[in-house]
Amino acid sequence: FRTVLRLFLEQDGYRVAEAENGIEAINVFEQLHPDIILLDISMPDMDGFECCHKLHSLAQDQHTPILMLTSVEDERSINRAFAAGATDYVTKPVLLPILRQRLKRLIEQSQLQQKLIAANQQLQLLVNLDELTQVANRRRFEEYLALEWQRQIRSQQPLSLILCDVDFFKSYNDTYG
């Protein structure tokens, strides 16, 4: 089945890396950081659940989808696969056109997720920095002060704060920016 699947995916333009077992799959993932992982439950050395859990923990920052593609279809195994971090679950025999659409959807969702994370990081910068000076603004000051206050409470250390007021700063800022 793996050979048929590889040929099908390569015909669709995918570059495919194969692994003989779960340990090899983890090594291949760490080297290649693929866009999607197809994983069976029945594998030598380590079952698909354990491999899925390890891959999911490694792929968390990248949001790499894990598709369990297996002949095991009992409810307990399905629940266990999703609990281990599987993104989707397809049972064999699978219709290849259905698999094609699932792969396309999972990769698109992963790419959208990554774009959303990048946009949120950019938004966080815009919310916390003054656009003109690139200096942290009042919102960031208040967040930082709250963090430092909590740390001071935990460590029982004093917290010092210096506030400065520059006279006639508005006219300086209006003139020089």
C-alpha atoms as a PDB file:
ATOM      1  CA  PHE A   1       0.000   0.000   0.000  1.00  0.00           C
ATOM      2  CA  ARG A   2       2.851   2.362   0.822  1.00  0.00           C
ATOM      3  CA  THR A   3       4.303   1.948  -2.676  1.00  0.00           C
ATOM      4  CA  VAL A   4       0.926   2.595  -4.336  1.00  0.00           C
ATOM      5  CA  LEU A   5       0.412   5.625  -2.103  1.00  0.00           C
ATOM      6  CA  ARG A   6       3.877   7.008  -2.864  1.00  0.00           C
ATOM      7  CA  LEU A   7       3.323   6.649  -6.634  1.00  0.00           C
ATOM      8  CA  PHE A   8      -0.108   8.290  -6.367  1.00  0.00           C
ATOM      9  CA  LEU A   9       1.276  11.222  -4.382  1.00  0.00           C
ATOM     10  CA  GLU A  10       4.246  11.679  -6.693  1.00  0.00           C
ATOM     11  CA  GLN A  11       1.880  11.759  -9.688  1.00  0.00           C
ATOM     12  CA  ASP A  12       0.039  14.604  -7.923  1.00  0.00           C
ATOM     13  CA  GLY A  13       3.308  16.526  -7.607  1.00  0.00           C
ATOM     14  CA  TYR A  14       4.127  15.755  -3.976  1.00  0.00           C
ATOM     15  CA  ARG A  15       7.687  15.036  -2.908  1.00  0.00           C
ATOM     16  CA  VAL A  16       7.476  11.962  -0.704  1.00  0.00           C
ATOM     17  CA  ALA A  17       9.850  10.797   2.022  1.00  0.00           C
ATOM     18  CA  GLU A  18       9.196   7.341   3.440  1.00  0.00           C
ATOM     19  CA  ALA A  19      10.054   5.807   6.786  1.00  0.00           C
ATOM     20  CA  GLU A  20      10.117   2.103   7.653  1.00  0.00           C
ATOM     21  CA  ASN A  21       9.116   2.628  11.302  1.00  0.00           C
ATOM     22  CA  GLY A  22       8.224   5.250  13.891  1.00  0.00           C
ATOM     23  CA  ILE A  23      11.787   5.997  14.964  1.00  0.00           C
ATOM     24  CA  GLU A  24      12.805   6.593  11.360  1.00  0.00           C
ATOM     25  CA  ALA A  25       9.676   8.736  10.848  1.00  0.00           C
ATOM     26  CA  ILE A  26      10.708  11.007  13.723  1.00  0.00           C
ATOM     27  CA  ASN A  27      14.238  11.331  12.280  1.00  0.00           C
ATOM     28  CA  VAL A  28      12.883  12.090   8.798  1.00  0.00           C
ATOM     29  CA  PHE A  29      10.527  14.703  10.272  1.00  0.00           C
ATOM     30  CA  GLU A  30      13.356  16.439  12.127  1.00  0.00           C
ATOM     31  CA  GLN A  31      15.457  16.566   8.954  1.00  0.00           C
ATOM     32  CA  LEU A  32      12.817  17.550   6.384  1.00  0.00           C
ATOM     33  CA  HIS A  33       9.989  19.302   8.276  1.00  0.00           C
ATOM     34  CA  PRO A  34       7.320  18.130   5.809  1.00  0.00           C
ATOM     35  CA  ASP A  35       4.032  19.890   5.059  1.00  0.00           C
ATOM     36  CA  ILE A  36       2.005  16.832   6.144  1.00  0.00           C
ATOM     37  CA  ILE A  37       2.576  13.474   7.813  1.00  0.00           C
ATOM     38  CA  LEU A  38       0.761  10.265   6.809  1.00  0.00           C
ATOM     39  CA  LEU A  39       0.966   7.690   9.557  1.00  0.00           C
ATOM     40  CA  ASP A  40      -0.313   4.151  10.120  1.00  0.00           C
ATOM     41  CA  ILE A  41      -1.142   2.714  13.536  1.00  0.00           C
ATOM     42  CA  SER A  42       0.540  -0.624  12.852  1.00  0.00           C
ATOM     43  CA  MET A  43       4.293  -0.079  12.592  1.00  0.00           C
ATOM     44  CA  PRO A  44       7.414  -1.853  13.820  1.00  0.00           C
ATOM     45  CA  ASP A  45       9.404  -0.510  16.816  1.00  0.00           C
ATOM     46  CA  MET A  46       6.723   1.929  17.986  1.00  0.00           C
ATOM     47  CA  ASP A  47       3.005   2.001  17.288  1.00  0.00           C
ATOM     48  CA  GLY A  48       1.369   4.846  15.392  1.00  0.00           C
ATOM     49  CA  PHE A  49      -0.171   6.331  18.545  1.00  0.00           C
ATOM     50  CA  GLU A  50       3.184   6.827  20.268  1.00  0.00           C
ATOM     51  CA  CYS A  51       4.787   8.044  17.032  1.00  0.00           C
ATOM     52  CA  CYS A  52       1.887  10.450  16.466  1.00  0.00           C
ATOM     53  CA  HIS A  53       2.246  11.842  19.977  1.00  0.00           C
ATOM     54  CA  LYS A  54       5.997  12.396  19.526  1.00  0.00           C
ATOM     55  CA  LEU A  55       5.576  13.919  16.066  1.00  0.00           C
ATOM     56  CA  HIS A  56       2.776  16.165  17.291  1.00  0.00           C
ATOM     57  CA  SER A  57       4.953  17.495  20.106  1.00  0.00           C
ATOM     58  CA  LEU A  58       7.805  18.139  17.640  1.00  0.00           C
ATOM     59  CA  ALA A  59       5.482  19.711  15.038  1.00  0.00           C
ATOM     60  CA  GLN A  60       3.579  22.009  17.404  1.00  0.00           C
ATOM     61  CA  ASP A  61       5.394  25.181  16.351  1.00  0.00           C
ATOM     62  CA  GLN A  62       5.009  24.331  12.685  1.00  0.00           C
ATOM     63  CA  HIS A  63       1.409  23.086  12.880  1.00  0.00           C
ATOM     64  CA  THR A  64       2.180  20.136  10.632  1.00  0.00           C
ATOM     65  CA  PRO A  65      -0.995  18.093  10.118  1.00  0.00           C
ATOM     66  CA  ILE A  66      -0.854  14.380  10.907  1.00  0.00           C
ATOM     67  CA  LEU A  67      -3.204  12.150   8.905  1.00  0.00           C
ATOM     68  CA  MET A  68      -3.696   8.690  10.345  1.00  0.00           C
ATOM     69  CA  LEU A  69      -4.186   6.383   7.356  1.00  0.00           C
ATOM     70  CA  THR A  70      -4.884   2.915   8.703  1.00  0.00           C
ATOM     71  CA  SER A  71      -7.052  -0.174   8.494  1.00  0.00           C
ATOM     72  CA  VAL A  72      -7.878   0.051  12.219  1.00  0.00           C
ATOM     73  CA  GLU A  73     -11.367   1.483  12.556  1.00  0.00           C
ATOM     74  CA  ASP A  74     -12.632   0.798  16.069  1.00  0.00           C
ATOM     75  CA  GLU A  75     -13.851   3.779  18.111  1.00  0.00           C
ATOM     76  CA  ARG A  76     -11.225   3.371  20.824  1.00  0.00           C
ATOM     77  CA  SER A  77      -8.369   3.574  18.294  1.00  0.00           C
ATOM     78  CA  ILE A  78      -9.908   6.569  16.553  1.00  0.00           C
ATOM     79  CA  ASN A  79     -10.262   8.420  19.874  1.00  0.00           C
ATOM     80  CA  ARG A  80      -6.749   7.425  20.874  1.00  0.00           C
ATOM     81  CA  ALA A  81      -5.326   8.718  17.571  1.00  0.00           C
ATOM     82  CA  PHE A  82      -6.946  12.130  17.976  1.00  0.00           C
ATOM     83  CA  ALA A  83      -5.827  12.260  21.615  1.00  0.00           C
ATOM     84  CA  ALA A  84      -2.255  11.595  20.422  1.00  0.00           C
ATOM     85  CA  GLY A  85      -2.433  14.597  18.096  1.00  0.00           C
ATOM     86  CA  ALA A  86      -3.798  13.295  14.796  1.00  0.00           C
ATOM     87  CA  THR A  87      -5.414  15.988  12.684  1.00  0.00           C
ATOM     88  CA  ASP A  88      -7.539  13.582  10.650  1.00  0.00           C
ATOM     89  CA  TYR A  89      -8.222   9.855  10.406  1.00  0.00           C
ATOM     90  CA  VAL A  90      -8.905   7.840   7.242  1.00  0.00           C
ATOM     91  CA  THR A  91      -9.456   4.089   7.099  1.00  0.00           C
ATOM     92  CA  LYS A  92      -8.151   1.759   4.396  1.00  0.00           C
ATOM     93  CA  PRO A  93      -9.090   0.923   1.778  1.00  0.00           C
ATOM     94  CA  VAL A  94      -9.351   4.574   0.867  1.00  0.00           C
ATOM     95  CA  LEU A  95     -10.570   6.058  -2.374  1.00  0.00           C
ATOM     96  CA  LEU A  96      -7.620   7.966  -3.786  1.00  0.00           C
ATOM     97  CA  PRO A  97      -9.702  10.975  -4.964  1.00  0.00           C
ATOM     98  CA  ILE A  98     -10.975  11.356  -1.376  1.00  0.00           C
ATOM     99  CA  LEU A  99      -7.432  11.119  -0.044  1.00  0.00           C
ATOM    100  CA  ARG A 100      -6.304  13.733  -2.583  1.00  0.00           C
ATOM    101  CA  GLN A 101      -8.925  16.200  -1.297  1.00  0.00           C
ATOM    102  CA  ARG A 102      -8.142  15.469   2.355  1.00  0.00           C
ATOM    103  CA  LEU A 103      -4.440  16.105   1.802  1.00  0.00           C
ATOM    104  CA  LYS A 104      -5.133  19.319  -0.085  1.00  0.00           C
ATOM    105  CA  ARG A 105      -7.492  20.568   2.662  1.00  0.00           C
ATOM    106  CA  LEU A 106      -5.133  19.674   5.511  1.00  0.00           C
ATOM    107  CA  ILE A 107      -2.144  21.376   3.867  1.00  0.00           C
ATOM    108  CA  GLU A 108      -4.208  24.498   3.085  1.00  0.00           C
ATOM    109  CA  GLN A 109      -5.451  24.641   6.697  1.00  0.00           C
ATOM    110  CA  SER A 110      -1.902  24.305   7.985  1.00  0.00           C
ATOM    111  CA  GLN A 111      -0.671  27.104   5.729  1.00  0.00           C
ATOM    112  CA  LEU A 112      -3.578  29.337   6.795  1.00  0.00           C
ATOM    113  CA  GLN A 113      -2.809  28.587  10.445  1.00  0.00           C
ATOM    114  CA  GLN A 114       0.820  29.610   9.932  1.00  0.00           C
ATOM    115  CA  LYS A 115      -0.257  32.834   8.192  1.00  0.00           C
ATOM    116  CA  LEU A 116      -2.666  33.583  11.036  1.00  0.00           C
ATOM    117  CA  ILE A 117       0.073  33.099  13.620  1.00  0.00           C
ATOM    118  CA  ALA A 118       2.403  35.424  11.694  1.00  0.00           C
ATOM    119  CA  ALA A 119      -0.356  38.044  11.361  1.00  0.00           C
ATOM    120  CA  ASN A 120      -1.118  37.829  15.083  1.00  0.00           C
ATOM    121  CA  GLN A 121       2.566  38.279  15.914  1.00  0.00           C
ATOM    122  CA  GLN A 122       2.682  41.346  13.680  1.00  0.00           C
ATOM    123  CA  LEU A 123      -0.503  42.674  15.276  1.00  0.00           C
ATOM    124  CA  GLN A 124       1.004  42.150  18.734  1.00  0.00           C
ATOM    125  CA  LEU A 125       3.984  44.277  17.697  1.00  0.00           C
ATOM    126  CA  LEU A 126       1.699  47.016  16.398  1.00  0.00           C
ATOM    127  CA  VAL A 127      -0.344  46.985  19.602  1.00  0.00           C
ATOM    128  CA  ASN A 128       2.690  47.274  21.873  1.00  0.00           C
ATOM    129  CA  LEU A 129       5.001  49.633  19.968  1.00  0.00           C
ATOM    130  CA  ASP A 130       4.699  53.246  18.976  1.00  0.00           C
ATOM    131  CA  GLU A 131       4.771  53.295  15.185  1.00  0.00           C
ATOM    132  CA  LEU A 132       6.877  56.440  14.916  1.00  0.00           C
ATOM    133  CA  THR A 133       9.519  55.806  17.603  1.00  0.00           C
ATOM    134  CA  GLN A 134       9.366  51.984  17.809  1.00  0.00           C
ATOM    135  CA  VAL A 135       9.438  52.436  21.592  1.00  0.00           C
ATOM    136  CA  ALA A 136       7.167  50.359  23.799  1.00  0.00           C
ATOM    137  CA  ASN A 137       3.892  52.173  24.457  1.00  0.00           C
ATOM    138  CA  ARG A 138       1.758  52.524  27.581  1.00  0.00           C
ATOM    139  CA  ARG A 139      -0.062  49.222  26.957  1.00  0.00           C
ATOM    140  CA  ARG A 140       3.268  47.371  26.890  1.00  0.00           C
ATOM    141  CA  PHE A 141       4.395  49.264  29.998  1.00  0.00           C
ATOM    142  CA  GLU A 142       1.281  48.149  31.875  1.00  0.00           C
ATOM    143  CA  GLU A 143       1.734  44.510  30.767  1.00  0.00           C
ATOM    144  CA  TYR A 144       5.376  44.573  31.810  1.00  0.00           C
ATOM    145  CA  LEU A 145       4.582  46.250  35.125  1.00  0.00           C
ATOM    146  CA  ALA A 146       1.985  43.564  35.906  1.00  0.00           C
ATOM    147  CA  LEU A 147       4.545  40.817  35.154  1.00  0.00           C
ATOM    148  CA  GLU A 148       7.188  42.474  37.299  1.00  0.00           C
ATOM    149  CA  TRP A 149       4.680  43.023  40.093  1.00  0.00           C
ATOM    150  CA  GLN A 150       3.819  39.301  40.120  1.00  0.00           C
ATOM    151  CA  ARG A 151       7.517  38.380  40.080  1.00  0.00           C
ATOM    152  CA  GLN A 152       8.146  40.781  42.976  1.00  0.00           C
ATOM    153  CA  ILE A 153       5.354  39.138  44.978  1.00  0.00           C
ATOM    154  CA  ARG A 154       6.802  35.645  44.350  1.00  0.00           C
ATOM    155  CA  SER A 155      10.396  36.610  45.107  1.00  0.00           C
ATOM    156  CA  GLN A 156       9.571  38.997  47.973  1.00  0.00           C
ATOM    157  CA  GLN A 157      12.030  41.520  46.509  1.00  0.00           C
ATOM    158  CA  PRO A 158      11.469  45.263  46.296  1.00  0.00           C
ATOM    159  CA  LEU A 159      10.205  46.811  43.082  1.00  0.00           C
ATOM    160  CA  SER A 160      11.514  50.216  42.081  1.00  0.00           C
ATOM    161  CA  LEU A 161       9.886  52.510  39.596  1.00  0.00           C
ATOM    162  CA  ILE A 162      11.119  55.872  38.377  1.00  0.00           C
ATOM    163  CA  LEU A 163       8.693  58.221  36.671  1.00  0.00           C
ATOM    164  CA  CYS A 164       9.963  61.253  34.814  1.00  0.00           C
ATOM    165  CA  ASP A 165       8.021  64.162  33.478  1.00  0.00           C
ATOM    166  CA  VAL A 166       9.604  66.304  30.800  1.00  0.00           C
ATOM    167  CA  ASP A 167       8.287  69.862  30.977  1.00  0.00           C
ATOM    168  CA  PHE A 168       6.846  71.217  27.749  1.00  0.00           C
ATOM    169  CA  PHE A 169       7.447  67.906  25.962  1.00  0.00           C
ATOM    170  CA  LYS A 170       4.370  68.367  23.793  1.00  0.00           C
ATOM    171  CA  SER A 171       5.850  71.372  22.031  1.00  0.00           C
ATOM    172  CA  TYR A 172       9.145  69.494  21.539  1.00  0.00           C
ATOM    173  CA  ASN A 173       7.270  66.486  20.151  1.00  0.00           C
ATOM    174  CA  ASP A 174       5.123  68.696  17.880  1.00  0.00           C
ATOM    175  CA  THR A 175       8.255  70.400  16.522  1.00  0.00           C
ATOM    176  CA  TYR A 176      10.693  67.520  16.225  1.00  0.00           C
ATOM    177  CA  GLY A 177       8.476  64.415  16.243  1.00  0.00           C
END
